[in-house]
Amino acid sequence: MVVTLLGTGTSHGIPVIGCDCKVCTSHDSHDKRYRSSIMLEEMGKHLVIDTGYEFRLQLLRENVTSLDGVLYTHSHTDHCAGLDDLRVFSRHNSFPIYGDEQTLFTLKKRYPYAIDNGEHPGLPVLKSNVLAPYKEVEIARIKVVPIPVYHGNNLIYGYRFGTFAYLTDVSDIPDESYVALKGVKLLVLGALRERPHSTHFSFSQAYQAARKIGVAKVYFTHINHETCYSDINRLYPGFVESAYDGLVINI
């Protein structure tokens, strides 16, 4: 499996509009971050997790011409604002999207013309599919296990793919999910900043969670503009690396 980090930034992206901080004015390309999303490729099939504001630009940058499904973590705008751009993948057949019941319900209210609405010329034709927590399913030849995590008071989904897992927008992990993550060796994990936050792991909290899961390597993602890419890598050398837009991981 090949994993591509399409975006690794928080809801503002980096640079933040109007900000002249050290990170937003950095000349290091690693400090330019689109909203968080990843793509998985296996046996010629492609899945994406989340479609943020820059979804179209991300696919163009990576020369993606085919897509077999989208998994949604939750319905916050920075994770789904690019949903309408899925229309190009539903020209001939309905296009499948996946998530928990609440996420798909919210997306259908927000995009009623696009989801479970039949075929209409020029509009996306998307088919919603509810995923049950902890139940493995096979989507486009890729085995997926939805993993509930807390984003503040809300339960959202992370996803496990064999020995790899992707958990973003995490502030706590239920005990049952820690059990379900046993055996994961490579983790992409949301880590907003050094300071605590009510709905996101700090760097130290993410580090501790990764150690508890027992992974061999963790990449931090969903990062805000308070810490440079190079500084993050100096905090926890070896075990932790900051993800960056365009990073490719072979599993």
C-alpha atoms as a PDB file:
ATOM      1  CA  MET A   1       0.000   0.000   0.000  1.00  0.00           C
ATOM      2  CA  VAL A   2       1.128   3.539  -0.789  1.00  0.00           C
ATOM      3  CA  VAL A   3      -0.077   6.402   1.418  1.00  0.00           C
ATOM      4  CA  THR A   4       0.165   9.998   0.194  1.00  0.00           C
ATOM      5  CA  LEU A   5      -0.358  12.904   2.576  1.00  0.00           C
ATOM      6  CA  LEU A   6      -2.507  15.263   0.507  1.00  0.00           C
ATOM      7  CA  GLY A   7      -2.694  17.859   3.270  1.00  0.00           C
ATOM      8  CA  THR A   8      -1.351  18.144   6.811  1.00  0.00           C
ATOM      9  CA  GLY A   9      -2.655  21.471   8.115  1.00  0.00           C
ATOM     10  CA  THR A  10      -5.346  22.472  10.558  1.00  0.00           C
ATOM     11  CA  SER A  11      -8.572  24.293   9.687  1.00  0.00           C
ATOM     12  CA  HIS A  12      -6.827  27.578   8.774  1.00  0.00           C
ATOM     13  CA  GLY A  13      -4.185  25.995   6.578  1.00  0.00           C
ATOM     14  CA  ILE A  14      -0.669  27.438   6.458  1.00  0.00           C
ATOM     15  CA  PRO A  15       0.084  30.217   5.726  1.00  0.00           C
ATOM     16  CA  VAL A  16      -2.849  31.743   7.579  1.00  0.00           C
ATOM     17  CA  ILE A  17      -4.391  34.707   5.781  1.00  0.00           C
ATOM     18  CA  GLY A  18      -2.927  37.956   7.106  1.00  0.00           C
ATOM     19  CA  CYS A  19      -0.429  36.297   9.462  1.00  0.00           C
ATOM     20  CA  ASP A  20       3.249  37.280   9.458  1.00  0.00           C
ATOM     21  CA  CYS A  21       4.479  34.779  12.062  1.00  0.00           C
ATOM     22  CA  LYS A  22       7.661  32.736  11.653  1.00  0.00           C
ATOM     23  CA  VAL A  23       5.826  29.726  10.225  1.00  0.00           C
ATOM     24  CA  CYS A  24       3.492  31.583   7.876  1.00  0.00           C
ATOM     25  CA  THR A  25       6.431  33.515   6.375  1.00  0.00           C
ATOM     26  CA  SER A  26       8.743  30.489   6.253  1.00  0.00           C
ATOM     27  CA  HIS A  27      10.448  29.733   2.937  1.00  0.00           C
ATOM     28  CA  ASP A  28      10.551  26.010   3.773  1.00  0.00           C
ATOM     29  CA  SER A  29       8.041  24.223   1.523  1.00  0.00           C
ATOM     30  CA  HIS A  30       7.333  21.800   4.374  1.00  0.00           C
ATOM     31  CA  ASP A  31       5.672  24.679   6.239  1.00  0.00           C
ATOM     32  CA  LYS A  32       3.048  25.184   3.508  1.00  0.00           C
ATOM     33  CA  ARG A  33       0.097  23.061   4.573  1.00  0.00           C
ATOM     34  CA  TYR A  34      -3.256  22.400   2.907  1.00  0.00           C
ATOM     35  CA  ARG A  35      -6.122  21.064   4.992  1.00  0.00           C
ATOM     36  CA  SER A  36      -5.623  17.496   6.229  1.00  0.00           C
ATOM     37  CA  SER A  37      -6.349  14.555   3.933  1.00  0.00           C
ATOM     38  CA  ILE A  38      -4.640  11.372   2.756  1.00  0.00           C
ATOM     39  CA  MET A  39      -4.851   9.042  -0.237  1.00  0.00           C
ATOM     40  CA  LEU A  40      -4.300   5.288  -0.161  1.00  0.00           C
ATOM     41  CA  GLU A  41      -3.359   3.278  -3.241  1.00  0.00           C
ATOM     42  CA  GLU A  42      -3.337  -0.493  -3.509  1.00  0.00           C
ATOM     43  CA  MET A  43      -3.594  -2.755  -6.556  1.00  0.00           C
ATOM     44  CA  GLY A  44      -4.539   0.181  -8.756  1.00  0.00           C
ATOM     45  CA  LYS A  45      -7.365   1.342  -6.483  1.00  0.00           C
ATOM     46  CA  HIS A  46      -7.465   4.718  -4.747  1.00  0.00           C
ATOM     47  CA  LEU A  47      -9.243   5.815  -1.574  1.00  0.00           C
ATOM     48  CA  VAL A  48      -9.165   9.287  -0.050  1.00  0.00           C
ATOM     49  CA  ILE A  49      -9.903  10.237   3.545  1.00  0.00           C
ATOM     50  CA  ASP A  50     -11.674  13.623   3.712  1.00  0.00           C
ATOM     51  CA  THR A  51     -12.158  16.253   1.018  1.00  0.00           C
ATOM     52  CA  GLY A  52     -11.133  19.630   2.404  1.00  0.00           C
ATOM     53  CA  TYR A  53     -11.057  23.071   0.817  1.00  0.00           C
ATOM     54  CA  GLU A  54      -8.071  22.259  -1.412  1.00  0.00           C
ATOM     55  CA  PHE A  55      -9.237  18.791  -2.494  1.00  0.00           C
ATOM     56  CA  ARG A  56      -9.194  19.661  -6.203  1.00  0.00           C
ATOM     57  CA  LEU A  57      -5.733  21.228  -5.966  1.00  0.00           C
ATOM     58  CA  GLN A  58      -4.415  18.254  -4.018  1.00  0.00           C
ATOM     59  CA  LEU A  59      -5.536  15.754  -6.656  1.00  0.00           C
ATOM     60  CA  LEU A  60      -4.141  17.899  -9.461  1.00  0.00           C
ATOM     61  CA  ARG A  61      -0.813  18.192  -7.656  1.00  0.00           C
ATOM     62  CA  GLU A  62      -0.598  14.399  -7.296  1.00  0.00           C
ATOM     63  CA  ASN A  63      -1.845  13.750 -10.858  1.00  0.00           C
ATOM     64  CA  VAL A  64      -4.807  11.701  -9.623  1.00  0.00           C
ATOM     65  CA  THR A  65      -7.204  10.789 -12.437  1.00  0.00           C
ATOM     66  CA  SER A  66      -9.240   8.012 -10.819  1.00  0.00           C
ATOM     67  CA  LEU A  67     -10.772   7.542  -7.402  1.00  0.00           C
ATOM     68  CA  ASP A  68     -12.759   4.635  -5.966  1.00  0.00           C
ATOM     69  CA  GLY A  69     -14.223   6.055  -2.769  1.00  0.00           C
ATOM     70  CA  VAL A  70     -13.967   8.638  -0.001  1.00  0.00           C
ATOM     71  CA  LEU A  71     -13.958   7.936   3.724  1.00  0.00           C
ATOM     72  CA  TYR A  72     -15.022  10.795   5.989  1.00  0.00           C
ATOM     73  CA  THR A  73     -13.741  11.245   9.518  1.00  0.00           C
ATOM     74  CA  HIS A  74     -16.393  13.827  10.442  1.00  0.00           C
ATOM     75  CA  SER A  75     -18.401  16.676   8.969  1.00  0.00           C
ATOM     76  CA  HIS A  76     -16.387  19.759   9.975  1.00  0.00           C
ATOM     77  CA  THR A  77     -15.965  22.043   7.001  1.00  0.00           C
ATOM     78  CA  ASP A  78     -12.192  21.734   6.710  1.00  0.00           C
ATOM     79  CA  HIS A  79     -12.698  18.001   6.118  1.00  0.00           C
ATOM     80  CA  CYS A  80     -15.552  18.075   3.600  1.00  0.00           C
ATOM     81  CA  ALA A  81     -15.677  21.471   1.838  1.00  0.00           C
ATOM     82  CA  GLY A  82     -14.342  19.944  -1.389  1.00  0.00           C
ATOM     83  CA  LEU A  83     -17.107  17.336  -1.638  1.00  0.00           C
ATOM     84  CA  ASP A  84     -18.668  18.962  -4.708  1.00  0.00           C
ATOM     85  CA  ASP A  85     -15.489  18.286  -6.687  1.00  0.00           C
ATOM     86  CA  LEU A  86     -16.292  14.571  -6.544  1.00  0.00           C
ATOM     87  CA  ARG A  87     -18.657  15.213  -9.468  1.00  0.00           C
ATOM     88  CA  VAL A  88     -15.883  14.375 -11.948  1.00  0.00           C
ATOM     89  CA  PHE A  89     -15.777  10.836 -10.551  1.00  0.00           C
ATOM     90  CA  SER A  90     -19.531  10.250 -10.897  1.00  0.00           C
ATOM     91  CA  ARG A  91     -19.998  10.991 -14.583  1.00  0.00           C
ATOM     92  CA  HIS A  92     -20.768   7.372 -15.454  1.00  0.00           C
ATOM     93  CA  ASN A  93     -21.663   5.723 -12.139  1.00  0.00           C
ATOM     94  CA  SER A  94     -22.631   6.822  -8.663  1.00  0.00           C
ATOM     95  CA  PHE A  95     -19.611   7.467  -6.465  1.00  0.00           C
ATOM     96  CA  PRO A  96     -19.425   5.911  -2.973  1.00  0.00           C
ATOM     97  CA  ILE A  97     -18.733   7.903   0.172  1.00  0.00           C
ATOM     98  CA  TYR A  98     -18.399   6.379   3.640  1.00  0.00           C
ATOM     99  CA  GLY A  99     -18.588   7.461   7.257  1.00  0.00           C
ATOM    100  CA  ASP A 100     -20.534   7.149  10.471  1.00  0.00           C
ATOM    101  CA  GLU A 101     -24.282   7.736  10.509  1.00  0.00           C
ATOM    102  CA  GLN A 102     -24.132  11.251  11.983  1.00  0.00           C
ATOM    103  CA  THR A 103     -21.455  12.445   9.574  1.00  0.00           C
ATOM    104  CA  LEU A 104     -23.344  11.232   6.514  1.00  0.00           C
ATOM    105  CA  PHE A 105     -26.616  12.680   7.843  1.00  0.00           C
ATOM    106  CA  THR A 106     -24.961  16.082   8.230  1.00  0.00           C
ATOM    107  CA  LEU A 107     -23.341  15.930   4.804  1.00  0.00           C
ATOM    108  CA  LYS A 108     -26.681  15.082   3.188  1.00  0.00           C
ATOM    109  CA  LYS A 109     -28.257  18.116   4.841  1.00  0.00           C
ATOM    110  CA  ARG A 110     -25.394  20.309   3.643  1.00  0.00           C
ATOM    111  CA  TYR A 111     -25.238  18.853   0.114  1.00  0.00           C
ATOM    112  CA  PRO A 112     -28.784  17.594  -0.574  1.00  0.00           C
ATOM    113  CA  TYR A 113     -28.350  17.929  -4.334  1.00  0.00           C
ATOM    114  CA  ALA A 114     -25.305  15.647  -4.367  1.00  0.00           C
ATOM    115  CA  ILE A 115     -25.902  12.721  -2.004  1.00  0.00           C
ATOM    116  CA  ASP A 116     -28.546   9.996  -2.461  1.00  0.00           C
ATOM    117  CA  ASN A 117     -30.472  12.278  -4.818  1.00  0.00           C
ATOM    118  CA  GLY A 118     -30.523  10.303  -8.052  1.00  0.00           C
ATOM    119  CA  GLU A 119     -28.924  11.432 -11.292  1.00  0.00           C
ATOM    120  CA  HIS A 120     -29.102  15.030 -12.483  1.00  0.00           C
ATOM    121  CA  PRO A 121     -27.023  16.501 -15.340  1.00  0.00           C
ATOM    122  CA  GLY A 122     -23.979  18.392 -14.103  1.00  0.00           C
ATOM    123  CA  LEU A 123     -24.412  17.446 -10.445  1.00  0.00           C
ATOM    124  CA  PRO A 124     -22.440  15.008  -8.307  1.00  0.00           C
ATOM    125  CA  VAL A 125     -24.048  11.578  -7.946  1.00  0.00           C
ATOM    126  CA  LEU A 126     -22.862  10.303  -4.578  1.00  0.00           C
ATOM    127  CA  LYS A 127     -24.041   7.235  -2.695  1.00  0.00           C
ATOM    128  CA  SER A 128     -23.712   7.254   1.102  1.00  0.00           C
ATOM    129  CA  ASN A 129     -22.626   4.132   2.972  1.00  0.00           C
ATOM    130  CA  VAL A 130     -22.762   3.946   6.768  1.00  0.00           C
ATOM    131  CA  LEU A 131     -19.848   2.179   8.439  1.00  0.00           C
ATOM    132  CA  ALA A 132     -20.234   0.473  11.816  1.00  0.00           C
ATOM    133  CA  PRO A 133     -17.533   1.069  14.442  1.00  0.00           C
ATOM    134  CA  TYR A 134     -14.806  -1.571  14.649  1.00  0.00           C
ATOM    135  CA  LYS A 135     -16.370  -3.650  11.850  1.00  0.00           C
ATOM    136  CA  GLU A 136     -13.931  -4.452   9.065  1.00  0.00           C
ATOM    137  CA  VAL A 137     -15.162  -3.855   5.524  1.00  0.00           C
ATOM    138  CA  GLU A 138     -13.483  -4.126   2.152  1.00  0.00           C
ATOM    139  CA  ILE A 139     -13.687  -1.040  -0.049  1.00  0.00           C
ATOM    140  CA  ALA A 140     -12.044  -1.106  -3.478  1.00  0.00           C
ATOM    141  CA  ARG A 141      -9.947  -4.140  -2.445  1.00  0.00           C
ATOM    142  CA  ILE A 142      -8.701  -2.301   0.656  1.00  0.00           C
ATOM    143  CA  LYS A 143      -9.665  -3.603   4.100  1.00  0.00           C
ATOM    144  CA  VAL A 144     -10.814  -0.814   6.426  1.00  0.00           C
ATOM    145  CA  VAL A 145     -11.701  -0.738  10.130  1.00  0.00           C
ATOM    146  CA  PRO A 146     -13.454   2.408  11.464  1.00  0.00           C
ATOM    147  CA  ILE A 147     -11.957   3.454  14.811  1.00  0.00           C
ATOM    148  CA  PRO A 148     -14.016   5.834  17.008  1.00  0.00           C
ATOM    149  CA  VAL A 149     -12.035   8.634  18.683  1.00  0.00           C
ATOM    150  CA  TYR A 150     -13.055  11.768  20.547  1.00  0.00           C
ATOM    151  CA  HIS A 151     -12.870  15.210  18.945  1.00  0.00           C
ATOM    152  CA  GLY A 152     -13.843  17.256  21.981  1.00  0.00           C
ATOM    153  CA  ASN A 153     -17.212  15.852  23.068  1.00  0.00           C
ATOM    154  CA  ASN A 154     -17.920  14.318  19.664  1.00  0.00           C
ATOM    155  CA  LEU A 155     -17.099  10.798  18.548  1.00  0.00           C
ATOM    156  CA  ILE A 156     -15.643  10.760  15.048  1.00  0.00           C
ATOM    157  CA  TYR A 157     -13.885   8.108  12.971  1.00  0.00           C
ATOM    158  CA  GLY A 158     -10.269   7.322  12.432  1.00  0.00           C
ATOM    159  CA  TYR A 159      -9.416   4.404  10.155  1.00  0.00           C
ATOM    160  CA  ARG A 160      -7.162   1.371  10.364  1.00  0.00           C
ATOM    161  CA  PHE A 161      -5.725  -0.426   7.329  1.00  0.00           C
ATOM    162  CA  GLY A 162      -3.813  -3.474   8.540  1.00  0.00           C
ATOM    163  CA  THR A 163      -0.688  -2.235  10.331  1.00  0.00           C
ATOM    164  CA  PHE A 164      -1.356   1.403   9.353  1.00  0.00           C
ATOM    165  CA  ALA A 165      -3.838   3.810  10.949  1.00  0.00           C
ATOM    166  CA  TYR A 166      -4.939   7.399  10.358  1.00  0.00           C
ATOM    167  CA  LEU A 167      -6.381   9.358  13.288  1.00  0.00           C
ATOM    168  CA  THR A 168      -6.923  13.085  12.919  1.00  0.00           C
ATOM    169  CA  ASP A 169      -8.741  15.682  15.059  1.00  0.00           C
ATOM    170  CA  VAL A 170      -8.240  13.552  18.163  1.00  0.00           C
ATOM    171  CA  SER A 171      -8.513  14.765  21.754  1.00  0.00           C
ATOM    172  CA  ASP A 172      -8.939  11.364  23.421  1.00  0.00           C
ATOM    173  CA  ILE A 173      -9.022   7.692  22.452  1.00  0.00           C
ATOM    174  CA  PRO A 174     -11.547   5.313  24.089  1.00  0.00           C
ATOM    175  CA  ASP A 175     -10.176   2.176  25.721  1.00  0.00           C
ATOM    176  CA  GLU A 176     -11.973  -0.018  23.179  1.00  0.00           C
ATOM    177  CA  SER A 177     -10.273   1.870  20.364  1.00  0.00           C
ATOM    178  CA  TYR A 178      -6.859   1.380  21.938  1.00  0.00           C
ATOM    179  CA  VAL A 179      -7.606  -2.351  21.872  1.00  0.00           C
ATOM    180  CA  ALA A 180      -8.694  -2.117  18.221  1.00  0.00           C
ATOM    181  CA  LEU A 181      -5.427  -0.347  17.366  1.00  0.00           C
ATOM    182  CA  LYS A 182      -3.244  -3.095  18.812  1.00  0.00           C
ATOM    183  CA  GLY A 183      -0.760  -4.243  16.190  1.00  0.00           C
ATOM    184  CA  VAL A 184      -0.596  -0.929  14.316  1.00  0.00           C
ATOM    185  CA  LYS A 185       3.028  -0.173  13.451  1.00  0.00           C
ATOM    186  CA  LEU A 186       2.718   3.065  11.489  1.00  0.00           C
ATOM    187  CA  LEU A 187       0.413   5.881  12.580  1.00  0.00           C
ATOM    188  CA  VAL A 188      -0.518   9.275  11.170  1.00  0.00           C
ATOM    189  CA  LEU A 189      -1.902  11.154  14.155  1.00  0.00           C
ATOM    190  CA  GLY A 190      -3.395  14.599  14.663  1.00  0.00           C
ATOM    191  CA  ALA A 191      -1.188  16.834  16.837  1.00  0.00           C
ATOM    192  CA  LEU A 192      -2.217  20.474  16.715  1.00  0.00           C
ATOM    193  CA  ARG A 193       0.486  22.324  18.670  1.00  0.00           C
ATOM    194  CA  GLU A 194       2.665  22.262  21.791  1.00  0.00           C
ATOM    195  CA  ARG A 195       0.059  23.954  24.010  1.00  0.00           C
ATOM    196  CA  PRO A 196      -3.036  22.019  25.187  1.00  0.00           C
ATOM    197  CA  HIS A 197      -6.284  22.369  23.220  1.00  0.00           C
ATOM    198  CA  SER A 198      -9.809  21.295  24.128  1.00  0.00           C
ATOM    199  CA  THR A 199     -10.532  19.332  20.942  1.00  0.00           C
ATOM    200  CA  HIS A 200      -7.106  18.274  19.642  1.00  0.00           C
ATOM    201  CA  PHE A 201      -4.097  16.432  20.978  1.00  0.00           C
ATOM    202  CA  SER A 202      -1.074  18.543  21.819  1.00  0.00           C
ATOM    203  CA  PHE A 203       2.298  17.236  20.665  1.00  0.00           C
ATOM    204  CA  SER A 204       3.002  15.597  24.023  1.00  0.00           C
ATOM    205  CA  GLN A 205      -0.475  14.021  24.202  1.00  0.00           C
ATOM    206  CA  ALA A 206      -0.083  12.624  20.687  1.00  0.00           C
ATOM    207  CA  TYR A 207       3.355  11.279  21.586  1.00  0.00           C
ATOM    208  CA  GLN A 208       1.971   9.543  24.674  1.00  0.00           C
ATOM    209  CA  ALA A 209      -0.961   8.057  22.713  1.00  0.00           C
ATOM    210  CA  ALA A 210       1.377   6.706  20.038  1.00  0.00           C
ATOM    211  CA  ARG A 211       3.545   5.106  22.716  1.00  0.00           C
ATOM    212  CA  LYS A 212       0.469   3.557  24.334  1.00  0.00           C
ATOM    213  CA  ILE A 213      -0.670   2.083  21.008  1.00  0.00           C
ATOM    214  CA  GLY A 214       2.830   0.693  20.563  1.00  0.00           C
ATOM    215  CA  VAL A 215       3.604   1.915  17.057  1.00  0.00           C
ATOM    216  CA  ALA A 216       7.107   1.878  15.611  1.00  0.00           C
ATOM    217  CA  LYS A 217       6.682   5.250  13.888  1.00  0.00           C
ATOM    218  CA  VAL A 218       4.248   8.161  14.112  1.00  0.00           C
ATOM    219  CA  TYR A 219       3.786  11.121  11.797  1.00  0.00           C
ATOM    220  CA  PHE A 220       2.085  14.194  13.251  1.00  0.00           C
ATOM    221  CA  THR A 221      -0.552  15.874  11.074  1.00  0.00           C
ATOM    222  CA  HIS A 222      -3.293  18.538  11.350  1.00  0.00           C
ATOM    223  CA  ILE A 223      -0.637  20.976  12.557  1.00  0.00           C
ATOM    224  CA  ASN A 224      -1.211  24.694  13.145  1.00  0.00           C
ATOM    225  CA  HIS A 225       1.093  27.646  12.499  1.00  0.00           C
ATOM    226  CA  GLU A 226       2.799  27.862  15.898  1.00  0.00           C
ATOM    227  CA  THR A 227       5.642  25.411  15.192  1.00  0.00           C
ATOM    228  CA  CYS A 228       7.908  24.971  12.170  1.00  0.00           C
ATOM    229  CA  TYR A 229       8.315  21.597  10.502  1.00  0.00           C
ATOM    230  CA  SER A 230      11.990  21.446  11.482  1.00  0.00           C
ATOM    231  CA  ASP A 231      11.266  22.304  15.122  1.00  0.00           C
ATOM    232  CA  ILE A 232       8.699  19.496  15.457  1.00  0.00           C
ATOM    233  CA  ASN A 233      11.255  16.952  14.287  1.00  0.00           C
ATOM    234  CA  ARG A 234      13.697  18.154  16.946  1.00  0.00           C
ATOM    235  CA  LEU A 235      11.182  17.639  19.772  1.00  0.00           C
ATOM    236  CA  TYR A 236      10.978  13.839  19.484  1.00  0.00           C
ATOM    237  CA  PRO A 237      13.818  12.701  17.188  1.00  0.00           C
ATOM    238  CA  GLY A 238      13.520   9.303  15.545  1.00  0.00           C
ATOM    239  CA  PHE A 239      10.162   8.027  16.755  1.00  0.00           C
ATOM    240  CA  VAL A 240       8.149  11.091  15.677  1.00  0.00           C
ATOM    241  CA  GLU A 241       8.266  13.008  12.419  1.00  0.00           C
ATOM    242  CA  SER A 242       6.167  15.884  11.222  1.00  0.00           C
ATOM    243  CA  ALA A 243       4.177  14.903   8.159  1.00  0.00           C
ATOM    244  CA  TYR A 244       4.166  17.339   5.256  1.00  0.00           C
ATOM    245  CA  ASP A 245       2.072  17.846   2.153  1.00  0.00           C
ATOM    246  CA  GLY A 246       3.096  15.416  -0.573  1.00  0.00           C
ATOM    247  CA  LEU A 247       4.813  12.944   1.770  1.00  0.00           C
ATOM    248  CA  VAL A 248       4.645   9.411   0.331  1.00  0.00           C
ATOM    249  CA  ILE A 249       4.833   6.403   2.651  1.00  0.00           C
ATOM    250  CA  ASN A 250       5.248   2.861   1.335  1.00  0.00           C
ATOM    251  CA  ILE A 251       3.737   0.240   3.635  1.00  0.00           C
END
